[in-house]
Amino acid sequence: VLYVKTMIRERGNRAMYAASVGYHAALVPAVALFWPWLAALFAALAVRAAVVPRVWPGASPRMVGFGEVAASVTLGLLLVA
């Protein structure tokens, strides 16, 4: 949710960006404790939360949505596997 808000409604809001990056970064070690095989995906999502708003700040909501679908499908497939 924080990443999507950073990309759409709160675009350019530094506090929301910091909250999004901090949240995603904090999830990586937490996930690694319980599901080490998921840590790589969560690390990639943390990098995405930090890089994409800076590199591609004008991304359309449609493109952000496509990225979210891809991330959700990847997570679902990893959980099933």
C-alpha atoms as a PDB file:
ATOM      1  CA  VAL A   1       0.000   0.000   0.000  1.00  0.00           C
ATOM      2  CA  LEU A   2       2.764   2.457   0.902  1.00  0.00           C
ATOM      3  CA  TYR A   3       4.589   1.875  -2.373  1.00  0.00           C
ATOM      4  CA  VAL A   4       1.432   2.450  -4.428  1.00  0.00           C
ATOM      5  CA  LYS A   5       0.589   5.601  -2.459  1.00  0.00           C
ATOM      6  CA  THR A   6       4.147   6.835  -3.045  1.00  0.00           C
ATOM      7  CA  MET A   7       3.717   6.282  -6.766  1.00  0.00           C
ATOM      8  CA  ILE A   8       0.208   7.705  -7.191  1.00  0.00           C
ATOM      9  CA  ARG A   9      -1.521   9.861  -4.545  1.00  0.00           C
ATOM     10  CA  GLU A  10       1.497  10.868  -2.494  1.00  0.00           C
ATOM     11  CA  ARG A  11       3.863  11.325  -5.434  1.00  0.00           C
ATOM     12  CA  GLY A  12       6.693  13.636  -4.376  1.00  0.00           C
ATOM     13  CA  ASN A  13       5.918  13.341  -0.641  1.00  0.00           C
ATOM     14  CA  ARG A  14       9.283  12.666   1.008  1.00  0.00           C
ATOM     15  CA  ALA A  15       7.751  11.422   4.255  1.00  0.00           C
ATOM     16  CA  MET A  16       5.629   8.839   2.425  1.00  0.00           C
ATOM     17  CA  TYR A  17       8.647   7.777   0.361  1.00  0.00           C
ATOM     18  CA  ALA A  18      10.727   7.333   3.533  1.00  0.00           C
ATOM     19  CA  ALA A  19       7.919   5.365   5.204  1.00  0.00           C
ATOM     20  CA  SER A  20       7.586   3.109   2.154  1.00  0.00           C
ATOM     21  CA  VAL A  21      11.303   2.407   1.888  1.00  0.00           C
ATOM     22  CA  GLY A  22      11.632   1.897   5.648  1.00  0.00           C
ATOM     23  CA  TYR A  23       8.690  -0.486   5.779  1.00  0.00           C
ATOM     24  CA  HIS A  24       9.950  -2.574   2.863  1.00  0.00           C
ATOM     25  CA  ALA A  25      13.502  -2.630   4.234  1.00  0.00           C
ATOM     26  CA  ALA A  26      12.256  -3.737   7.667  1.00  0.00           C
ATOM     27  CA  LEU A  27      10.321  -6.612   6.117  1.00  0.00           C
ATOM     28  CA  VAL A  28      13.403  -8.222   4.571  1.00  0.00           C
ATOM     29  CA  PRO A  29      15.061  -9.462   7.800  1.00  0.00           C
ATOM     30  CA  ALA A  30      11.682 -10.259   9.365  1.00  0.00           C
ATOM     31  CA  VAL A  31      10.730 -12.459   6.424  1.00  0.00           C
ATOM     32  CA  ALA A  32      14.216 -14.006   6.319  1.00  0.00           C
ATOM     33  CA  LEU A  33      13.793 -15.233   9.903  1.00  0.00           C
ATOM     34  CA  PHE A  34      10.748 -17.319   9.070  1.00  0.00           C
ATOM     35  CA  TRP A  35      10.927 -17.913   5.306  1.00  0.00           C
ATOM     36  CA  PRO A  36      14.538 -17.527   4.091  1.00  0.00           C
ATOM     37  CA  TRP A  37      13.575 -18.597   0.586  1.00  0.00           C
ATOM     38  CA  LEU A  38      11.250 -15.559   0.313  1.00  0.00           C
ATOM     39  CA  ALA A  39      13.871 -13.054   1.459  1.00  0.00           C
ATOM     40  CA  ALA A  40      15.203 -12.489  -2.070  1.00  0.00           C
ATOM     41  CA  LEU A  41      11.766 -11.449  -3.330  1.00  0.00           C
ATOM     42  CA  PHE A  42      11.228  -9.100  -0.403  1.00  0.00           C
ATOM     43  CA  ALA A  43      14.705  -7.623  -0.932  1.00  0.00           C
ATOM     44  CA  ALA A  44      13.818  -6.994  -4.577  1.00  0.00           C
ATOM     45  CA  LEU A  45      10.555  -5.338  -3.509  1.00  0.00           C
ATOM     46  CA  ALA A  46      12.498  -3.140  -1.069  1.00  0.00           C
ATOM     47  CA  VAL A  47      14.864  -2.089  -3.852  1.00  0.00           C
ATOM     48  CA  ARG A  48      11.849  -1.387  -6.056  1.00  0.00           C
ATOM     49  CA  ALA A  49      10.302   0.800  -3.337  1.00  0.00           C
ATOM     50  CA  ALA A  50      13.532   2.803  -3.128  1.00  0.00           C
ATOM     51  CA  VAL A  51      14.456   3.072  -6.806  1.00  0.00           C
ATOM     52  CA  VAL A  52      11.291   3.256  -8.901  1.00  0.00           C
ATOM     53  CA  PRO A  53       9.808   6.435  -7.353  1.00  0.00           C
ATOM     54  CA  ARG A  54      13.106   8.217  -8.019  1.00  0.00           C
ATOM     55  CA  VAL A  55      13.854   6.841 -11.478  1.00  0.00           C
ATOM     56  CA  TRP A  56      10.298   6.704 -12.820  1.00  0.00           C
ATOM     57  CA  PRO A  57       8.268   9.231 -10.791  1.00  0.00           C
ATOM     58  CA  GLY A  58       5.730   9.805 -13.559  1.00  0.00           C
ATOM     59  CA  ALA A  59       4.669   6.179 -13.924  1.00  0.00           C
ATOM     60  CA  SER A  60       1.004   5.866 -14.763  1.00  0.00           C
ATOM     61  CA  PRO A  61      -1.337   4.163 -12.293  1.00  0.00           C
ATOM     62  CA  ARG A  62      -1.823   1.457 -14.913  1.00  0.00           C
ATOM     63  CA  MET A  63       1.890   0.640 -15.002  1.00  0.00           C
ATOM     64  CA  VAL A  64       2.108   0.687 -11.197  1.00  0.00           C
ATOM     65  CA  GLY A  65      -0.825  -1.725 -11.132  1.00  0.00           C
ATOM     66  CA  PHE A  66       0.851  -4.057 -13.620  1.00  0.00           C
ATOM     67  CA  GLY A  67       3.929  -4.093 -11.389  1.00  0.00           C
ATOM     68  CA  GLU A  68       1.804  -4.897  -8.351  1.00  0.00           C
ATOM     69  CA  VAL A  69       0.102  -7.749 -10.184  1.00  0.00           C
ATOM     70  CA  ALA A  70       3.496  -9.158 -11.185  1.00  0.00           C
ATOM     71  CA  ALA A  71       4.782  -8.910  -7.610  1.00  0.00           C
ATOM     72  CA  SER A  72       1.622 -10.545  -6.235  1.00  0.00           C
ATOM     73  CA  VAL A  73       1.707 -13.391  -8.744  1.00  0.00           C
ATOM     74  CA  THR A  74       5.387 -13.985  -8.002  1.00  0.00           C
ATOM     75  CA  LEU A  75       4.706 -14.074  -4.268  1.00  0.00           C
ATOM     76  CA  GLY A  76       1.764 -16.421  -4.788  1.00  0.00           C
ATOM     77  CA  LEU A  77       3.799 -18.796  -6.926  1.00  0.00           C
ATOM     78  CA  LEU A  78       6.624 -18.850  -4.393  1.00  0.00           C
ATOM     79  CA  LEU A  79       4.222 -19.572  -1.558  1.00  0.00           C
ATOM     80  CA  VAL A  80       2.625 -22.425  -3.470  1.00  0.00           C
ATOM     81  CA  ALA A  81       6.008 -23.871  -4.444  1.00  0.00           C
END
